[in-house]
């Protein structure tokens, strides 16, 4: 089973920036989609951004133009650059991967807290 390790979460003031990283190990089959989801207290987990192996990115409307997802295929790593953070971005952020067989794995989550 693939293992994902996330880093980069923390506390930031509104308007600030953070960059999340997630590195996958124990990869047997090539990774297709990598991405980030988030879950705020009392809310369902929602997709934030995804990126294909070829670099095609998709964003939720709530983060478009503020967040940028990228990946390094050689390092099996996905990044999420978060700018102009808002209080409502406060959540636990989870890294997600799906390999070419359609198998998915999740990270343990990293807390992002934006103070207003």
C-alpha atoms as a PDB file:
ATOM      1  CA  UNK A   1       0.000   0.000   0.000  1.00  0.00           C
ATOM      2  CA  UNK A   2       1.252   3.450  -0.898  1.00  0.00           C
ATOM      3  CA  UNK A   3       2.286   5.722   1.925  1.00  0.00           C
ATOM      4  CA  UNK A   4       1.734   9.488   1.811  1.00  0.00           C
ATOM      5  CA  UNK A   5       3.470  12.014   4.021  1.00  0.00           C
ATOM      6  CA  UNK A   6       2.174  15.577   4.099  1.00  0.00           C
ATOM      7  CA  UNK A   7       3.864  18.687   5.401  1.00  0.00           C
ATOM      8  CA  UNK A   8       3.510  22.444   5.348  1.00  0.00           C
ATOM      9  CA  UNK A   9       0.349  23.071   7.323  1.00  0.00           C
ATOM     10  CA  UNK A  10       0.165  25.595  10.119  1.00  0.00           C
ATOM     11  CA  UNK A  11      -1.301  28.838  11.382  1.00  0.00           C
ATOM     12  CA  UNK A  12      -1.360  31.904   9.153  1.00  0.00           C
ATOM     13  CA  UNK A  13      -3.128  35.239   9.121  1.00  0.00           C
ATOM     14  CA  UNK A  14      -5.781  35.991   6.557  1.00  0.00           C
ATOM     15  CA  UNK A  15      -4.173  37.165   3.353  1.00  0.00           C
ATOM     16  CA  UNK A  16      -1.076  35.082   3.976  1.00  0.00           C
ATOM     17  CA  UNK A  17       0.358  32.082   2.154  1.00  0.00           C
ATOM     18  CA  UNK A  18       1.259  28.482   2.870  1.00  0.00           C
ATOM     19  CA  UNK A  19       2.662  25.698   0.728  1.00  0.00           C
ATOM     20  CA  UNK A  20       1.687  22.092   1.329  1.00  0.00           C
ATOM     21  CA  UNK A  21       3.742  19.138   0.143  1.00  0.00           C
ATOM     22  CA  UNK A  22       2.907  15.471  -0.093  1.00  0.00           C
ATOM     23  CA  UNK A  23       5.348  12.727  -1.017  1.00  0.00           C
ATOM     24  CA  UNK A  24       4.211   9.223  -1.876  1.00  0.00           C
ATOM     25  CA  UNK A  25       6.324   6.160  -1.234  1.00  0.00           C
ATOM     26  CA  UNK A  26       5.881   2.408  -1.715  1.00  0.00           C
ATOM     27  CA  UNK A  27       4.604   3.163  -5.201  1.00  0.00           C
ATOM     28  CA  UNK A  28       4.189   0.029  -7.296  1.00  0.00           C
ATOM     29  CA  UNK A  29       2.140   1.356 -10.205  1.00  0.00           C
ATOM     30  CA  UNK A  30       2.516   4.768 -11.810  1.00  0.00           C
ATOM     31  CA  UNK A  31       0.528   7.574 -10.301  1.00  0.00           C
ATOM     32  CA  UNK A  32      -2.196   9.069 -12.451  1.00  0.00           C
ATOM     33  CA  UNK A  33      -4.049  11.705 -10.478  1.00  0.00           C
ATOM     34  CA  UNK A  34      -2.701  13.492  -7.415  1.00  0.00           C
ATOM     35  CA  UNK A  35      -4.604  16.067  -5.461  1.00  0.00           C
ATOM     36  CA  UNK A  36      -5.765  17.723  -2.312  1.00  0.00           C
ATOM     37  CA  UNK A  37      -9.033  17.526  -0.439  1.00  0.00           C
ATOM     38  CA  UNK A  38     -10.014  19.351   2.708  1.00  0.00           C
ATOM     39  CA  UNK A  39     -12.473  18.930   5.531  1.00  0.00           C
ATOM     40  CA  UNK A  40     -13.597  21.727   7.797  1.00  0.00           C
ATOM     41  CA  UNK A  41     -15.261  21.044  11.159  1.00  0.00           C
ATOM     42  CA  UNK A  42     -18.831  19.927  10.665  1.00  0.00           C
ATOM     43  CA  UNK A  43     -18.504  19.768   6.898  1.00  0.00           C
ATOM     44  CA  UNK A  44     -17.981  17.054   4.335  1.00  0.00           C
ATOM     45  CA  UNK A  45     -14.626  16.448   2.722  1.00  0.00           C
ATOM     46  CA  UNK A  46     -14.371  18.411  -0.511  1.00  0.00           C
ATOM     47  CA  UNK A  47     -11.995  18.422  -3.431  1.00  0.00           C
ATOM     48  CA  UNK A  48      -9.677  21.418  -3.551  1.00  0.00           C
ATOM     49  CA  UNK A  49      -7.457  20.691  -6.537  1.00  0.00           C
ATOM     50  CA  UNK A  50      -6.290  17.761  -8.643  1.00  0.00           C
ATOM     51  CA  UNK A  51      -3.601  17.335 -11.242  1.00  0.00           C
ATOM     52  CA  UNK A  52      -3.011  14.590 -13.784  1.00  0.00           C
ATOM     53  CA  UNK A  53       0.325  13.041 -14.589  1.00  0.00           C
ATOM     54  CA  UNK A  54       0.423  15.208 -17.683  1.00  0.00           C
ATOM     55  CA  UNK A  55      -0.060  18.370 -15.654  1.00  0.00           C
ATOM     56  CA  UNK A  56      -3.721  19.152 -16.260  1.00  0.00           C
ATOM     57  CA  UNK A  57      -5.057  20.850 -13.144  1.00  0.00           C
ATOM     58  CA  UNK A  58      -8.565  21.349 -11.853  1.00  0.00           C
ATOM     59  CA  UNK A  59      -9.654  23.573  -8.988  1.00  0.00           C
ATOM     60  CA  UNK A  60     -12.760  24.084  -6.947  1.00  0.00           C
ATOM     61  CA  UNK A  61     -14.407  27.426  -7.553  1.00  0.00           C
ATOM     62  CA  UNK A  62     -13.662  28.507  -3.991  1.00  0.00           C
ATOM     63  CA  UNK A  63      -9.873  28.353  -4.478  1.00  0.00           C
ATOM     64  CA  UNK A  64      -9.472  29.106  -8.166  1.00  0.00           C
ATOM     65  CA  UNK A  65      -7.039  31.980  -8.810  1.00  0.00           C
ATOM     66  CA  UNK A  66      -5.679  31.712  -5.246  1.00  0.00           C
ATOM     67  CA  UNK A  67      -4.276  28.173  -5.054  1.00  0.00           C
ATOM     68  CA  UNK A  68      -1.862  26.475  -7.426  1.00  0.00           C
ATOM     69  CA  UNK A  69      -1.296  22.730  -7.593  1.00  0.00           C
ATOM     70  CA  UNK A  70       1.849  21.242  -9.074  1.00  0.00           C
ATOM     71  CA  UNK A  71       3.684  17.923  -9.046  1.00  0.00           C
ATOM     72  CA  UNK A  72       7.103  16.416  -9.504  1.00  0.00           C
ATOM     73  CA  UNK A  73       6.618  13.015 -11.094  1.00  0.00           C
ATOM     74  CA  UNK A  74      10.222  11.984 -10.483  1.00  0.00           C
ATOM     75  CA  UNK A  75       9.751  12.543  -6.757  1.00  0.00           C
ATOM     76  CA  UNK A  76       6.112  11.335  -6.545  1.00  0.00           C
ATOM     77  CA  UNK A  77       5.366  14.622  -4.863  1.00  0.00           C
ATOM     78  CA  UNK A  78       2.440  16.994  -5.166  1.00  0.00           C
ATOM     79  CA  UNK A  79       2.369  20.578  -3.928  1.00  0.00           C
ATOM     80  CA  UNK A  80      -0.348  23.064  -3.124  1.00  0.00           C
ATOM     81  CA  UNK A  81       0.639  26.723  -3.046  1.00  0.00           C
ATOM     82  CA  UNK A  82      -2.057  28.619  -1.186  1.00  0.00           C
ATOM     83  CA  UNK A  83      -2.132  32.394  -1.476  1.00  0.00           C
ATOM     84  CA  UNK A  84      -4.574  35.041  -0.246  1.00  0.00           C
ATOM     85  CA  UNK A  85      -5.798  32.646   2.414  1.00  0.00           C
ATOM     86  CA  UNK A  86      -9.191  33.261   3.939  1.00  0.00           C
ATOM     87  CA  UNK A  87     -10.694  32.240   7.254  1.00  0.00           C
ATOM     88  CA  UNK A  88     -12.953  29.821   5.398  1.00  0.00           C
ATOM     89  CA  UNK A  89      -9.902  27.953   4.090  1.00  0.00           C
ATOM     90  CA  UNK A  90      -9.366  26.631   7.615  1.00  0.00           C
ATOM     91  CA  UNK A  91      -9.542  22.843   7.438  1.00  0.00           C
ATOM     92  CA  UNK A  92      -7.601  19.634   7.570  1.00  0.00           C
ATOM     93  CA  UNK A  93      -6.024  19.140   4.146  1.00  0.00           C
ATOM     94  CA  UNK A  94      -5.593  15.616   2.817  1.00  0.00           C
ATOM     95  CA  UNK A  95      -3.327  14.501   0.042  1.00  0.00           C
ATOM     96  CA  UNK A  96      -4.794  12.002  -2.412  1.00  0.00           C
ATOM     97  CA  UNK A  97      -3.350   9.808  -5.136  1.00  0.00           C
ATOM     98  CA  UNK A  98      -4.831   7.465  -7.675  1.00  0.00           C
ATOM     99  CA  UNK A  99      -2.651   5.097  -9.671  1.00  0.00           C
ATOM    100  CA  UNK A 100      -3.158   3.841 -13.195  1.00  0.00           C
ATOM    101  CA  UNK A 101      -5.157   0.867 -11.867  1.00  0.00           C
ATOM    102  CA  UNK A 102      -7.594   3.214 -10.161  1.00  0.00           C
ATOM    103  CA  UNK A 103      -6.387   2.403  -6.649  1.00  0.00           C
ATOM    104  CA  UNK A 104      -6.485   5.352  -4.253  1.00  0.00           C
ATOM    105  CA  UNK A 105      -4.537   6.279  -1.148  1.00  0.00           C
ATOM    106  CA  UNK A 106      -4.868   9.127   1.330  1.00  0.00           C
ATOM    107  CA  UNK A 107      -2.502  11.014   3.556  1.00  0.00           C
ATOM    108  CA  UNK A 108      -3.057  11.461   7.264  1.00  0.00           C
ATOM    109  CA  UNK A 109      -4.019  15.112   6.907  1.00  0.00           C
ATOM    110  CA  UNK A 110      -2.376  18.391   7.839  1.00  0.00           C
ATOM    111  CA  UNK A 111      -4.105  21.217   9.673  1.00  0.00           C
ATOM    112  CA  UNK A 112      -4.344  24.645   8.058  1.00  0.00           C
ATOM    113  CA  UNK A 113      -5.687  27.385  10.300  1.00  0.00           C
ATOM    114  CA  UNK A 114      -6.302  30.894   9.004  1.00  0.00           C
ATOM    115  CA  UNK A 115      -6.878  33.569  11.597  1.00  0.00           C
ATOM    116  CA  UNK A 116      -9.157  36.436  10.657  1.00  0.00           C
END
